[in-house]
Amino acid sequence: MAAAFEHDIEPNLEHDIEPNRTDLLPWWIRYCNWLFMLGIITVPIAFIMTLTGSDNVYFDAYGITARDVFSPAGIILASVILFNAFTAYALLTENDWAIDIAIVDALIGITLCSYAMSAAPGIFRYELIPLALFLGKLLGIRTPWAQLKNK
């Protein structure tokens, strides 16, 4: 009877589900991706509010502030928000080029934060911390992301 309990249980590798690319992303990147996807709603709302003459439009990201979508800062911030949503969608849909676009997105964020910090010396933009972690994680999973494409 003891022999019945002595067999090894080995996983059947033929029937195991292979990991997908989204599994390479930590939970906090997936969570932020969904927030960025929801954040895309703010751009058309701000556009409509600006066209109707509302004074309640206020964009603020990476240390850049805009009260009008059609100002240079407003155009930059609206473009960055749209690009963040595009990047989030690319990562969540596991596109081949998603990591490259996300790296560009992180570098744009770091550049904008650095610009804002140089314009106001002595102020540290805390967005740099998650941006640096995001960039580091993207660089770390770039190769496995590409390898999952070939399987």
C-alpha atoms as a PDB file:
ATOM      1  CA  MET A   1       0.000   0.000   0.000  1.00  0.00           C
ATOM      2  CA  ALA A   2       2.909   2.351   0.623  1.00  0.00           C
ATOM      3  CA  ALA A   3       3.982   1.925  -2.992  1.00  0.00           C
ATOM      4  CA  ALA A   4       0.744   3.591  -4.129  1.00  0.00           C
ATOM      5  CA  PHE A   5       1.832   6.833  -2.458  1.00  0.00           C
ATOM      6  CA  GLU A   6       5.440   6.802  -3.667  1.00  0.00           C
ATOM      7  CA  HIS A   7       4.958   7.865  -7.267  1.00  0.00           C
ATOM      8  CA  ASP A   8       6.252  11.220  -8.379  1.00  0.00           C
ATOM      9  CA  ILE A   9       3.862  13.752  -9.748  1.00  0.00           C
ATOM     10  CA  GLU A  10       5.568  15.496 -12.642  1.00  0.00           C
ATOM     11  CA  PRO A  11       3.961  18.324 -14.522  1.00  0.00           C
ATOM     12  CA  ASN A  12       2.835  17.546 -18.007  1.00  0.00           C
ATOM     13  CA  LEU A  13       4.784  20.160 -19.927  1.00  0.00           C
ATOM     14  CA  GLU A  14       2.937  19.458 -23.142  1.00  0.00           C
ATOM     15  CA  HIS A  15      -0.351  20.691 -21.725  1.00  0.00           C
ATOM     16  CA  ASP A  16       0.916  23.539 -19.560  1.00  0.00           C
ATOM     17  CA  ILE A  17      -0.072  26.974 -20.717  1.00  0.00           C
ATOM     18  CA  GLU A  18       2.875  29.039 -21.833  1.00  0.00           C
ATOM     19  CA  PRO A  19       3.298  32.406 -20.148  1.00  0.00           C
ATOM     20  CA  ASN A  20       2.129  35.411 -22.038  1.00  0.00           C
ATOM     21  CA  ARG A  21       3.879  38.728 -22.306  1.00  0.00           C
ATOM     22  CA  THR A  22       1.613  40.442 -19.822  1.00  0.00           C
ATOM     23  CA  ASP A  23       2.920  38.063 -17.146  1.00  0.00           C
ATOM     24  CA  LEU A  24       6.300  39.777 -17.525  1.00  0.00           C
ATOM     25  CA  LEU A  25       4.796  43.059 -16.326  1.00  0.00           C
ATOM     26  CA  PRO A  26       4.571  43.502 -12.547  1.00  0.00           C
ATOM     27  CA  TRP A  27       1.196  44.297 -11.012  1.00  0.00           C
ATOM     28  CA  TRP A  28       1.955  47.991 -10.546  1.00  0.00           C
ATOM     29  CA  ILE A  29       2.676  48.503 -14.257  1.00  0.00           C
ATOM     30  CA  ARG A  30      -0.548  46.696 -15.199  1.00  0.00           C
ATOM     31  CA  TYR A  31      -2.492  48.800 -12.696  1.00  0.00           C
ATOM     32  CA  CYS A  32      -0.987  52.044 -14.012  1.00  0.00           C
ATOM     33  CA  ASN A  33      -1.702  50.951 -17.579  1.00  0.00           C
ATOM     34  CA  TRP A  34      -5.391  50.718 -16.769  1.00  0.00           C
ATOM     35  CA  LEU A  35      -5.274  54.146 -15.134  1.00  0.00           C
ATOM     36  CA  PHE A  36      -3.634  55.618 -18.231  1.00  0.00           C
ATOM     37  CA  MET A  37      -6.269  53.971 -20.400  1.00  0.00           C
ATOM     38  CA  LEU A  38      -8.967  55.656 -18.299  1.00  0.00           C
ATOM     39  CA  GLY A  39      -7.010  58.918 -18.311  1.00  0.00           C
ATOM     40  CA  ILE A  40      -7.488  59.278 -22.044  1.00  0.00           C
ATOM     41  CA  ILE A  41     -11.016  60.481 -21.249  1.00  0.00           C
ATOM     42  CA  THR A  42      -9.604  63.708 -19.825  1.00  0.00           C
ATOM     43  CA  VAL A  43      -8.270  64.997 -23.148  1.00  0.00           C
ATOM     44  CA  PRO A  44     -11.592  65.261 -25.044  1.00  0.00           C
ATOM     45  CA  ILE A  45     -13.302  66.621 -21.917  1.00  0.00           C
ATOM     46  CA  ALA A  46     -10.641  69.318 -21.542  1.00  0.00           C
ATOM     47  CA  PHE A  47     -10.871  70.069 -25.265  1.00  0.00           C
ATOM     48  CA  ILE A  48     -14.661  70.553 -25.053  1.00  0.00           C
ATOM     49  CA  MET A  49     -14.374  72.607 -21.875  1.00  0.00           C
ATOM     50  CA  THR A  50     -11.772  74.865 -23.487  1.00  0.00           C
ATOM     51  CA  LEU A  51     -13.958  75.357 -26.575  1.00  0.00           C
ATOM     52  CA  THR A  52     -16.932  76.319 -24.403  1.00  0.00           C
ATOM     53  CA  GLY A  53     -14.846  78.909 -22.579  1.00  0.00           C
ATOM     54  CA  SER A  54     -14.697  77.170 -19.231  1.00  0.00           C
ATOM     55  CA  ASP A  55     -12.012  78.321 -16.818  1.00  0.00           C
ATOM     56  CA  ASN A  56     -11.966  74.992 -14.996  1.00  0.00           C
ATOM     57  CA  VAL A  57      -9.456  73.257 -17.297  1.00  0.00           C
ATOM     58  CA  TYR A  58      -6.293  72.339 -15.441  1.00  0.00           C
ATOM     59  CA  PHE A  59      -3.654  69.946 -16.723  1.00  0.00           C
ATOM     60  CA  ASP A  60      -0.701  69.119 -14.531  1.00  0.00           C
ATOM     61  CA  ALA A  61       1.775  66.326 -15.189  1.00  0.00           C
ATOM     62  CA  TYR A  62       5.525  65.953 -14.798  1.00  0.00           C
ATOM     63  CA  GLY A  63       5.680  69.460 -13.315  1.00  0.00           C
ATOM     64  CA  ILE A  64       4.171  71.162 -16.347  1.00  0.00           C
ATOM     65  CA  THR A  65       0.882  72.985 -15.845  1.00  0.00           C
ATOM     66  CA  ALA A  66      -1.648  74.167 -18.420  1.00  0.00           C
ATOM     67  CA  ARG A  67      -4.978  75.959 -18.019  1.00  0.00           C
ATOM     68  CA  ASP A  68      -5.774  75.851 -21.730  1.00  0.00           C
ATOM     69  CA  VAL A  69      -5.562  72.845 -24.061  1.00  0.00           C
ATOM     70  CA  PHE A  70      -4.504  75.103 -26.940  1.00  0.00           C
ATOM     71  CA  SER A  71      -1.516  76.622 -25.145  1.00  0.00           C
ATOM     72  CA  PRO A  72       1.922  75.145 -25.878  1.00  0.00           C
ATOM     73  CA  ALA A  73       1.995  73.440 -22.466  1.00  0.00           C
ATOM     74  CA  GLY A  74      -1.563  72.178 -22.994  1.00  0.00           C
ATOM     75  CA  ILE A  75      -0.698  70.684 -26.368  1.00  0.00           C
ATOM     76  CA  ILE A  76       2.362  68.982 -24.895  1.00  0.00           C
ATOM     77  CA  LEU A  77       0.423  67.582 -21.931  1.00  0.00           C
ATOM     78  CA  ALA A  78      -2.511  66.426 -24.060  1.00  0.00           C
ATOM     79  CA  SER A  79      -0.047  64.719 -26.417  1.00  0.00           C
ATOM     80  CA  VAL A  80       1.762  63.066 -23.506  1.00  0.00           C
ATOM     81  CA  ILE A  81      -1.523  61.823 -22.002  1.00  0.00           C
ATOM     82  CA  LEU A  82      -2.595  60.387 -25.361  1.00  0.00           C
ATOM     83  CA  PHE A  83       0.840  58.792 -25.830  1.00  0.00           C
ATOM     84  CA  ASN A  84       0.665  57.279 -22.315  1.00  0.00           C
ATOM     85  CA  ALA A  85      -2.707  55.731 -23.155  1.00  0.00           C
ATOM     86  CA  PHE A  86      -1.369  54.432 -26.483  1.00  0.00           C
ATOM     87  CA  THR A  87       1.620  52.912 -24.680  1.00  0.00           C
ATOM     88  CA  ALA A  88      -0.615  51.319 -22.044  1.00  0.00           C
ATOM     89  CA  TYR A  89      -2.816  49.809 -24.745  1.00  0.00           C
ATOM     90  CA  ALA A  90       0.233  48.461 -26.596  1.00  0.00           C
ATOM     91  CA  LEU A  91       1.572  46.831 -23.425  1.00  0.00           C
ATOM     92  CA  LEU A  92      -1.757  45.308 -22.453  1.00  0.00           C
ATOM     93  CA  THR A  93      -2.338  43.910 -25.944  1.00  0.00           C
ATOM     94  CA  GLU A  94       1.205  42.465 -26.006  1.00  0.00           C
ATOM     95  CA  ASN A  95       2.329  44.062 -29.255  1.00  0.00           C
ATOM     96  CA  ASP A  96       5.841  43.238 -30.478  1.00  0.00           C
ATOM     97  CA  TRP A  97       6.918  46.904 -30.381  1.00  0.00           C
ATOM     98  CA  ALA A  98       5.215  47.751 -27.067  1.00  0.00           C
ATOM     99  CA  ILE A  99       8.387  47.648 -24.973  1.00  0.00           C
ATOM    100  CA  ASP A 100      10.210  49.989 -27.348  1.00  0.00           C
ATOM    101  CA  ILE A 101       7.319  52.472 -27.283  1.00  0.00           C
ATOM    102  CA  ALA A 102       7.121  52.201 -23.477  1.00  0.00           C
ATOM    103  CA  ILE A 103      10.846  52.948 -23.186  1.00  0.00           C
ATOM    104  CA  VAL A 104      10.350  56.060 -25.327  1.00  0.00           C
ATOM    105  CA  ASP A 105       7.369  57.001 -23.141  1.00  0.00           C
ATOM    106  CA  ALA A 106       9.443  56.645 -19.966  1.00  0.00           C
ATOM    107  CA  LEU A 107      12.263  58.717 -21.466  1.00  0.00           C
ATOM    108  CA  ILE A 108       9.804  61.462 -22.465  1.00  0.00           C
ATOM    109  CA  GLY A 109       8.467  61.529 -18.894  1.00  0.00           C
ATOM    110  CA  ILE A 110      11.959  61.690 -17.431  1.00  0.00           C
ATOM    111  CA  THR A 111      12.876  64.484 -19.854  1.00  0.00           C
ATOM    112  CA  LEU A 112       9.777  66.521 -18.977  1.00  0.00           C
ATOM    113  CA  CYS A 113      10.391  66.037 -15.252  1.00  0.00           C
ATOM    114  CA  SER A 114      14.012  67.064 -15.645  1.00  0.00           C
ATOM    115  CA  TYR A 115      12.959  70.155 -17.594  1.00  0.00           C
ATOM    116  CA  ALA A 116      10.441  71.116 -14.899  1.00  0.00           C
ATOM    117  CA  MET A 117      13.069  70.637 -12.196  1.00  0.00           C
ATOM    118  CA  SER A 118      15.565  72.812 -14.082  1.00  0.00           C
ATOM    119  CA  ALA A 119      12.926  75.547 -14.452  1.00  0.00           C
ATOM    120  CA  ALA A 120      12.269  75.530 -10.694  1.00  0.00           C
ATOM    121  CA  PRO A 121      15.576  74.797  -8.943  1.00  0.00           C
ATOM    122  CA  GLY A 122      15.344  73.116  -5.575  1.00  0.00           C
ATOM    123  CA  ILE A 123      12.130  71.255  -6.373  1.00  0.00           C
ATOM    124  CA  PHE A 124      12.320  67.488  -6.809  1.00  0.00           C
ATOM    125  CA  ARG A 125       9.690  65.851  -8.985  1.00  0.00           C
ATOM    126  CA  TYR A 126       8.699  62.609  -7.311  1.00  0.00           C
ATOM    127  CA  GLU A 127       7.389  61.263 -10.616  1.00  0.00           C
ATOM    128  CA  LEU A 128      11.017  60.491 -11.430  1.00  0.00           C
ATOM    129  CA  ILE A 129      11.054  57.583  -8.976  1.00  0.00           C
ATOM    130  CA  PRO A 130       8.302  55.492 -10.629  1.00  0.00           C
ATOM    131  CA  LEU A 131       9.534  56.577 -14.066  1.00  0.00           C
ATOM    132  CA  ALA A 132      13.020  55.295 -13.273  1.00  0.00           C
ATOM    133  CA  LEU A 133      11.598  52.032 -11.893  1.00  0.00           C
ATOM    134  CA  PHE A 134       9.382  51.706 -14.979  1.00  0.00           C
ATOM    135  CA  LEU A 135      12.330  52.277 -17.321  1.00  0.00           C
ATOM    136  CA  GLY A 136      14.502  49.813 -15.401  1.00  0.00           C
ATOM    137  CA  LYS A 137      11.814  47.127 -15.511  1.00  0.00           C
ATOM    138  CA  LEU A 138      11.235  47.693 -19.233  1.00  0.00           C
ATOM    139  CA  LEU A 139      14.922  47.353 -19.989  1.00  0.00           C
ATOM    140  CA  GLY A 140      14.989  44.173 -17.885  1.00  0.00           C
ATOM    141  CA  ILE A 141      12.102  42.483 -19.700  1.00  0.00           C
ATOM    142  CA  ARG A 142      12.962  43.652 -23.202  1.00  0.00           C
ATOM    143  CA  THR A 143      14.722  40.397 -24.166  1.00  0.00           C
ATOM    144  CA  PRO A 144      12.162  37.979 -22.639  1.00  0.00           C
ATOM    145  CA  TRP A 145       9.372  40.004 -24.298  1.00  0.00           C
ATOM    146  CA  ALA A 146      11.015  39.531 -27.682  1.00  0.00           C
ATOM    147  CA  GLN A 147      11.688  35.832 -27.027  1.00  0.00           C
ATOM    148  CA  LEU A 148       8.025  35.118 -26.230  1.00  0.00           C
ATOM    149  CA  LYS A 149       7.180  36.350 -29.710  1.00  0.00           C
ATOM    150  CA  ASN A 150       9.098  33.502 -31.310  1.00  0.00           C
ATOM    151  CA  LYS A 151       7.335  30.707 -29.420  1.00  0.00           C
END
